[in-house]
Amino acid sequence: MATKRPLLRIPTNIITGFLGVGKTTAIQQLLKQRPTDERWAILVNEFGEVGIDNSLFSGTTAENSGVTISQVPGGCMCCTNGLPMQMALNLLLAKAKPHRLLIEPTGLGHPKEVLAILSGQHYREVLNLQSTLALVDARKIRSGRYTTNSTFNQQLEIAEVIIANKSDLYKPEDFPALLDFIDAKFGLEEKLVYQVQHGAIALEWLDHPANKTIVETHQHHQTESQASALTPSLETPSEGFVRADNQGEGFFSRGWIFNPGWQFSKRALFDLVQSIEAERLKGVFITPHGCVGFNKVDNVVTQLNLETCADSRVEVIGSRLESFDEIEEALLNCVKNRTDSTHTLMESESKSRNEKSMELR
């Protein structure tokens, strides 16, 4: 009788970076470089409640059978004593049995605590922590909103490899200013710093060793949250739509998931996404012509044609909570066809929005 082989010393990288810096795009670029004989696992943590990145990854890597993706939505996965992260990670490792693990914490999470969990006793023999990669937009380095933010600074502090993304948009003084900031606060001696465009991370950067001093420090300084319950899961609705809110670090988010029988106008969606003022927007939608994804940051909209998506969902992160009701009305106006599983269009429209929606938190 064959015995199960234990999971030992899986090369593991944390890929972090502040809100909207391009982490998802960078991981997609890495997946294109994955050796064909390797299985990779990705654990994605999102600030919003509905979880968009899994749909974006799956929709653009549908033929990539060597990649297994799991997600932890609803804020920092290291909270609740790390329970959401550990549960999701254990299930992912058991399912994928990967040759490499990539972990993408939310841009508003606590990277030191994530590192503490991964370097703790439970995973010490299972995971081989290698370089932590931090993506940063050097144009933000002159903004106190970023440089005084503890999460932003933690991301740069724990990273062995710092990647100045979106370099094609920089002014000549932006990258030198970033280097000066890093050197003054953390030192440059043990950090590699690269400029890239469109998240073009080189595969060999993953193999750079982790800083043992940082890892050992955080092994002995794990923090515990006072929270005591897991975030409720948000499922695809059998009719209408559901919505959920979250907040933290001075930001608010609202996400919506729509019944798969609803089809959206691609043109109307693009116009709406362009008009929305937000720190971050991600969405995947079913249209009469297939699935489409939208990504907006720094007022730049990217549209992706996806091979597949299980439902339509969108997450908006901003600093103005009051704007979300207007966005919801505008989203409903983009619906072109509706076929709920148990209701006709007329029956569905006769229901009030509150009867068809659910608000968490």
Protein backbone atom coordinates (compact mmCIF):
# COMPACT_ATOMS: atom_id res chain seq x y z
CA MET A 1 0.00 0.00 0.00
CA ALA A 2 1.44 3.34 -1.08
CA THR A 3 2.06 5.90 1.62
CA LYS A 4 1.41 9.59 1.23
CA ARG A 5 4.54 11.62 0.74
CA PRO A 6 4.81 14.48 3.23
CA LEU A 7 4.96 18.05 1.95
CA LEU A 8 8.45 19.27 2.73
CA ARG A 9 10.34 22.51 2.08
CA ILE A 10 8.05 23.94 -0.60
CA PRO A 11 9.67 27.09 -2.06
CA THR A 12 7.41 29.93 -0.93
CA ASN A 13 7.27 33.61 -1.84
CA ILE A 14 5.19 36.45 -0.46
CA ILE A 15 4.30 38.98 -3.17
CA THR A 16 3.11 42.15 -1.52
CA GLY A 17 2.50 45.78 -2.40
CA PHE A 18 0.07 48.58 -1.66
CA LEU A 19 -3.38 48.97 -3.13
CA GLY A 20 -3.41 49.05 -6.94
CA VAL A 21 0.32 48.61 -7.51
CA GLY A 22 -0.12 45.67 -9.89
CA LYS A 23 0.32 42.49 -7.84
CA THR A 24 -2.23 40.47 -9.78
CA THR A 25 -0.68 41.44 -13.11
CA ALA A 26 2.78 40.55 -11.79
CA ILE A 27 1.62 37.09 -10.73
CA GLN A 28 0.00 36.56 -14.12
CA GLN A 29 3.37 37.39 -15.71
CA LEU A 30 5.08 34.87 -13.42
CA LEU A 31 2.58 32.16 -14.36
CA LYS A 32 3.60 32.55 -18.00
CA GLN A 33 7.15 31.60 -16.95
CA ARG A 34 6.17 28.59 -14.83
CA PRO A 35 8.16 25.48 -15.80
CA THR A 36 5.77 23.06 -17.47
CA ASP A 37 6.76 20.21 -15.14
CA GLU A 38 5.94 22.18 -11.98
CA ARG A 39 2.68 22.57 -10.08
CA TRP A 40 2.18 26.00 -8.52
CA ALA A 41 -0.28 27.08 -5.84
CA ILE A 42 -1.44 30.66 -5.23
CA LEU A 43 -3.12 31.92 -2.08
CA VAL A 44 -4.75 35.30 -2.69
CA ASN A 45 -5.99 37.59 0.07
CA GLU A 46 -8.29 40.49 -0.83
CA PHE A 47 -9.46 43.48 1.18
CA GLY A 48 -12.99 43.22 -0.25
CA GLU A 49 -15.52 40.58 0.70
CA VAL A 50 -16.45 39.10 -2.69
CA GLY A 51 -13.06 38.00 -4.06
CA ILE A 52 -12.20 39.02 -7.63
CA ASP A 53 -8.62 37.84 -8.18
CA ASN A 54 -9.55 34.15 -8.31
CA SER A 55 -11.90 34.88 -11.21
CA LEU A 56 -9.27 36.99 -12.98
CA PHE A 57 -6.59 34.31 -12.59
CA SER A 58 -8.92 31.49 -13.59
CA GLY A 59 -10.31 33.41 -16.54
CA THR A 60 -6.88 34.05 -18.02
CA THR A 61 -5.28 30.69 -17.14
CA ALA A 62 -8.11 28.29 -17.91
CA GLU A 63 -5.74 25.98 -19.80
CA ASN A 64 -3.07 26.16 -17.13
CA SER A 65 -3.78 22.89 -15.31
CA GLY A 66 -0.57 23.19 -13.30
CA VAL A 67 -1.89 26.11 -11.23
CA THR A 68 -4.23 25.86 -8.24
CA ILE A 69 -5.68 29.07 -6.80
CA SER A 70 -7.40 29.71 -3.49
CA GLN A 71 -8.53 32.99 -1.95
CA VAL A 72 -9.28 34.53 1.43
CA PRO A 73 -11.51 37.59 0.98
CA GLY A 74 -12.66 40.03 3.63
CA GLY A 75 -9.59 41.86 4.93
CA CYS A 76 -6.24 40.70 6.23
CA MET A 77 -6.07 36.90 6.33
CA CYS A 78 -3.66 36.94 9.27
CA CYS A 79 -6.36 38.28 11.61
CA THR A 80 -8.61 36.07 13.72
CA ASN A 81 -5.40 34.56 15.13
CA GLY A 82 -4.38 33.61 11.59
CA LEU A 83 -7.17 31.03 11.35
CA PRO A 84 -8.54 31.99 7.89
CA MET A 85 -5.05 31.91 6.41
CA GLN A 86 -4.06 28.61 8.01
CA MET A 87 -7.30 26.88 7.01
CA ALA A 88 -7.09 28.08 3.41
CA LEU A 89 -3.37 27.33 3.16
CA ASN A 90 -3.67 23.82 4.58
CA LEU A 91 -6.46 22.95 2.15
CA LEU A 92 -4.56 24.47 -0.77
CA LEU A 93 -1.36 22.55 -0.02
CA ALA A 94 -3.24 19.28 0.40
CA LYS A 95 -5.07 19.76 -2.89
CA ALA A 96 -2.27 21.13 -5.06
CA LYS A 97 0.83 19.43 -3.61
CA PRO A 98 2.77 22.25 -5.26
CA HIS A 99 6.39 22.64 -6.27
CA ARG A 100 6.05 26.37 -5.49
CA LEU A 101 3.69 28.47 -3.39
CA LEU A 102 2.93 32.16 -4.02
CA ILE A 103 1.08 34.19 -1.40
CA GLU A 104 -0.48 37.56 -2.26
CA PRO A 105 -1.65 39.42 0.86
CA THR A 106 -4.11 42.25 0.53
CA GLY A 107 -2.49 45.61 -0.12
CA LEU A 108 -4.06 46.88 3.12
CA GLY A 109 -3.12 43.88 5.27
CA HIS A 110 -0.35 43.21 7.76
CA PRO A 111 2.63 41.67 5.95
CA LYS A 112 4.69 41.19 9.10
CA GLU A 113 1.98 39.03 10.63
CA VAL A 114 1.66 36.99 7.42
CA LEU A 115 5.41 36.39 7.53
CA ALA A 116 5.17 35.42 11.20
CA ILE A 117 2.58 32.73 10.47
CA LEU A 118 4.52 31.30 7.52
CA SER A 119 7.78 31.18 9.49
CA GLY A 120 6.16 29.78 12.63
CA GLN A 121 6.52 26.29 14.05
CA HIS A 122 3.54 24.85 12.16
CA TYR A 123 5.03 25.51 8.71
CA ARG A 124 8.74 25.39 9.49
CA GLU A 125 9.29 21.99 7.86
CA VAL A 126 6.58 22.38 5.22
CA LEU A 127 7.61 25.68 3.66
CA ASN A 128 10.98 26.95 2.48
CA LEU A 129 10.60 30.71 2.73
CA GLN A 130 12.42 32.46 -0.07
CA SER A 131 12.42 36.10 -1.10
CA THR A 132 9.54 38.38 -0.26
CA LEU A 133 8.81 40.64 -3.24
CA ALA A 134 7.29 44.08 -2.70
CA LEU A 135 5.88 46.00 -5.64
CA VAL A 136 5.86 49.76 -5.28
CA ASP A 137 4.93 52.69 -7.49
CA ALA A 138 7.82 55.15 -7.16
CA ARG A 139 5.50 58.02 -8.09
CA LYS A 140 3.82 57.64 -4.69
CA ILE A 141 6.97 58.13 -2.66
CA ARG A 142 6.42 61.88 -2.29
CA SER A 143 2.93 61.41 -0.86
CA GLY A 144 2.64 61.34 2.92
CA ARG A 145 -0.49 59.22 2.57
CA TYR A 146 1.82 56.38 1.54
CA THR A 147 5.11 57.09 3.29
CA THR A 148 3.46 57.50 6.71
CA ASN A 149 1.29 54.42 6.29
CA SER A 150 2.53 51.55 8.47
CA THR A 151 1.45 48.86 6.00
CA PHE A 152 3.28 50.55 3.12
CA ASN A 153 6.43 50.73 5.22
CA GLN A 154 6.13 47.14 6.41
CA GLN A 155 5.95 45.94 2.83
CA LEU A 156 9.26 47.61 1.99
CA GLU A 157 10.86 46.60 5.28
CA ILE A 158 10.31 42.83 4.99
CA ALA A 159 11.07 42.60 1.25
CA GLU A 160 14.35 41.23 -0.04
CA VAL A 161 13.36 42.19 -3.60
CA ILE A 162 11.68 45.57 -4.23
CA ILE A 163 10.11 46.04 -7.64
CA ALA A 164 9.41 49.57 -8.86
CA ASN A 165 6.47 48.77 -11.12
CA LYS A 166 4.94 51.02 -13.80
CA SER A 167 8.36 52.52 -14.53
CA ASP A 168 7.21 53.60 -17.99
CA LEU A 169 5.12 56.25 -16.22
CA TYR A 170 7.92 57.65 -14.04
CA LYS A 171 9.51 61.05 -14.19
CA PRO A 172 13.33 61.05 -14.07
CA GLU A 173 13.37 61.91 -10.37
CA ASP A 174 10.89 59.25 -9.20
CA PHE A 175 13.13 56.18 -9.00
CA PRO A 176 16.06 57.98 -7.32
CA ALA A 177 13.59 59.34 -4.75
CA LEU A 178 12.43 55.79 -4.03
CA LEU A 179 16.01 54.60 -3.55
CA ASP A 180 16.72 57.47 -1.16
CA PHE A 181 13.59 56.67 0.86
CA ILE A 182 14.43 52.97 1.15
CA ASP A 183 18.04 53.67 2.04
CA ALA A 184 17.14 56.19 4.74
CA LYS A 185 14.53 53.97 6.42
CA PHE A 186 15.71 50.40 5.88
CA GLY A 187 19.08 50.44 4.14
CA LEU A 188 19.81 49.13 0.66
CA GLU A 189 22.60 46.71 1.54
CA GLU A 190 20.44 43.58 1.70
CA LYS A 191 17.78 44.56 -0.83
CA LEU A 192 17.59 44.13 -4.58
CA VAL A 193 15.69 46.92 -6.32
CA TYR A 194 14.50 46.69 -9.93
CA GLN A 195 12.45 48.86 -12.27
CA VAL A 196 9.86 47.05 -14.38
CA GLN A 197 6.87 47.72 -16.59
CA HIS A 198 3.54 45.89 -16.50
CA GLY A 199 4.57 43.63 -13.61
CA ALA A 200 7.36 41.95 -15.58
CA ILE A 201 8.98 40.04 -12.68
CA ALA A 202 11.88 37.76 -13.60
CA LEU A 203 11.45 34.16 -12.49
CA GLU A 204 14.91 33.98 -10.92
CA TRP A 205 14.03 36.73 -8.43
CA LEU A 206 11.85 34.20 -6.63
CA ASP A 207 14.90 32.12 -5.72
CA HIS A 208 16.69 34.92 -3.87
CA PRO A 209 17.07 33.76 -0.25
CA ALA A 210 15.01 35.23 2.55
CA ASN A 211 16.70 37.43 5.13
CA LYS A 212 17.09 35.05 8.08
CA THR A 213 17.27 37.92 10.56
CA ILE A 214 13.84 39.20 9.50
CA VAL A 215 12.31 35.71 9.49
CA GLU A 216 13.67 34.80 12.92
CA THR A 217 12.57 38.15 14.36
CA HIS A 218 8.99 37.61 13.28
CA GLN A 219 8.94 34.00 14.43
CA HIS A 220 9.10 35.35 17.98
CA HIS A 221 6.79 38.33 17.59
CA GLN A 222 3.56 36.92 16.29
CA THR A 223 0.55 39.06 17.17
CA GLU A 224 -2.97 37.90 17.87
CA SER A 225 -6.16 39.64 16.84
CA GLN A 226 -9.06 40.09 19.24
CA ALA A 227 -11.47 38.89 16.56
CA SER A 228 -13.09 35.54 17.26
CA ALA A 229 -15.07 34.56 14.16
CA LEU A 230 -14.38 33.87 10.52
CA THR A 231 -15.78 36.20 7.88
CA PRO A 232 -19.00 34.66 6.50
CA SER A 233 -18.58 33.28 3.00
CA LEU A 234 -20.46 35.04 0.22
CA GLU A 235 -21.94 32.66 -2.33
CA THR A 236 -23.21 33.20 -5.85
CA PRO A 237 -26.94 34.05 -5.51
CA SER A 238 -29.60 31.85 -7.10
CA GLU A 239 -31.49 35.02 -7.99
CA GLY A 240 -30.79 38.75 -8.03
CA PHE A 241 -27.56 39.82 -6.39
CA VAL A 242 -25.80 40.06 -3.05
CA ARG A 243 -23.55 42.79 -1.74
CA ALA A 244 -21.12 43.15 1.14
CA ASP A 245 -19.13 45.97 2.75
CA ASN A 246 -15.78 46.14 4.50
CA GLN A 247 -13.59 48.91 5.90
CA GLY A 248 -10.13 49.42 7.35
CA GLU A 249 -6.95 51.48 7.09
CA GLY A 250 -9.07 54.52 6.16
CA PHE A 251 -10.65 52.79 3.15
CA PHE A 252 -14.11 51.40 2.43
CA SER A 253 -15.09 48.63 0.04
CA ARG A 254 -18.32 47.32 -1.39
CA GLY A 255 -18.63 44.24 -3.53
CA TRP A 256 -21.48 42.75 -5.53
CA ILE A 257 -22.06 39.24 -6.89
CA PHE A 258 -24.77 38.77 -9.52
CA ASN A 259 -26.71 35.71 -10.55
CA PRO A 260 -24.98 34.00 -13.52
CA GLY A 261 -28.17 34.41 -15.54
CA TRP A 262 -27.63 38.16 -15.65
CA GLN A 263 -25.77 39.48 -18.70
CA PHE A 264 -24.22 42.95 -18.81
CA SER A 265 -23.60 45.35 -21.65
CA LYS A 266 -19.85 45.54 -22.20
CA ARG A 267 -20.06 49.06 -23.63
CA ALA A 268 -22.15 50.35 -20.73
CA LEU A 269 -19.80 48.73 -18.22
CA PHE A 270 -16.73 50.32 -19.78
CA ASP A 271 -18.35 53.77 -19.69
CA LEU A 272 -19.38 53.24 -16.06
CA VAL A 273 -15.96 52.00 -14.93
CA GLN A 274 -14.33 55.02 -16.57
CA SER A 275 -16.64 57.38 -14.69
CA ILE A 276 -16.28 55.89 -11.20
CA GLU A 277 -13.93 57.71 -8.84
CA ALA A 278 -12.27 55.12 -6.61
CA GLU A 279 -8.91 54.03 -5.29
CA ARG A 280 -9.39 50.62 -6.83
CA LEU A 281 -11.92 48.73 -8.94
CA LYS A 282 -11.86 45.13 -10.12
CA GLY A 283 -14.64 43.21 -11.77
CA VAL A 284 -15.55 40.26 -13.97
CA PHE A 285 -18.81 40.19 -15.90
CA ILE A 286 -20.83 37.88 -18.10
CA THR A 287 -21.90 39.60 -21.30
CA PRO A 288 -23.82 38.36 -24.38
CA HIS A 289 -20.42 38.07 -26.10
CA GLY A 290 -18.50 36.22 -23.37
CA CYS A 291 -16.75 37.14 -20.14
CA VAL A 292 -14.86 40.39 -19.61
CA GLY A 293 -12.73 41.72 -16.78
CA PHE A 294 -12.13 45.34 -15.74
CA ASN A 295 -9.33 46.74 -13.64
CA LYS A 296 -9.05 50.41 -12.67
CA VAL A 297 -6.30 52.13 -10.71
CA ASP A 298 -4.93 55.68 -10.94
CA ASN A 299 -7.85 56.47 -13.26
CA VAL A 300 -6.52 54.03 -15.86
CA VAL A 301 -8.96 51.33 -17.02
CA THR A 302 -7.78 47.98 -18.34
CA GLN A 303 -10.22 45.64 -20.06
CA LEU A 304 -9.52 41.90 -20.34
CA ASN A 305 -11.32 39.27 -22.39
CA LEU A 306 -11.64 36.21 -20.17
CA GLU A 307 -12.02 32.61 -21.25
CA THR A 308 -14.48 31.83 -18.47
CA CYS A 309 -16.12 33.15 -15.31
CA ALA A 310 -18.63 31.52 -12.98
CA ASP A 311 -20.61 34.68 -12.28
CA SER A 312 -20.45 38.46 -12.50
CA ARG A 313 -18.85 40.26 -9.55
CA VAL A 314 -17.18 43.58 -8.85
CA GLU A 315 -15.40 45.23 -5.93
CA VAL A 316 -14.88 48.97 -5.45
CA ILE A 317 -12.49 50.40 -2.85
CA GLY A 318 -12.58 54.10 -2.03
CA SER A 319 -12.54 56.69 0.69
CA ARG A 320 -16.19 57.76 0.30
CA LEU A 321 -18.76 55.31 1.60
CA GLU A 322 -21.68 57.40 0.36
CA SER A 323 -20.77 56.87 -3.31
CA PHE A 324 -21.54 53.13 -3.28
CA ASP A 325 -25.33 53.43 -3.56
CA GLU A 326 -24.97 55.46 -6.75
CA ILE A 327 -22.57 52.88 -8.17
CA GLU A 328 -25.04 50.11 -7.41
CA GLU A 329 -27.82 51.87 -9.31
CA ALA A 330 -25.49 52.43 -12.24
CA LEU A 331 -24.44 48.76 -12.27
CA LEU A 332 -28.08 47.66 -12.44
CA ASN A 333 -28.58 49.97 -15.40
CA CYS A 334 -25.81 48.07 -17.23
CA VAL A 335 -27.75 44.78 -17.08
CA LYS A 336 -28.88 43.78 -20.56
CA ASN A 337 -30.55 40.42 -19.93
CA ARG A 338 -31.76 38.81 -16.70
CA THR A 339 -32.72 35.18 -16.22
CA ASP A 340 -32.80 34.13 -12.58
CA SER A 341 -33.04 30.46 -11.75
CA THR A 342 -36.52 30.67 -10.21
CA HIS A 343 -37.91 34.03 -11.29
CA THR A 344 -38.73 35.71 -14.56
CA LEU A 345 -37.47 39.17 -15.38
CA MET A 346 -40.81 40.75 -14.42
CA GLU A 347 -40.92 38.93 -11.09
CA SER A 348 -37.35 39.86 -10.30
CA GLU A 349 -37.92 43.53 -11.09
CA SER A 350 -40.97 43.61 -8.82
CA LYS A 351 -38.82 42.84 -5.81
CA SER A 352 -37.19 45.65 -3.92
CA ARG A 353 -33.42 45.94 -3.99
CA ASN A 354 -33.25 45.19 -0.29
CA GLU A 355 -35.08 41.89 -0.76
CA LYS A 356 -32.55 40.81 -3.38
CA SER A 357 -29.42 41.96 -1.62
CA MET A 358 -27.60 40.97 1.49
CA GLU A 359 -25.24 43.22 3.40
CA LEU A 360 -22.49 41.77 5.54
CA ARG A 361 -20.90 43.95 8.23
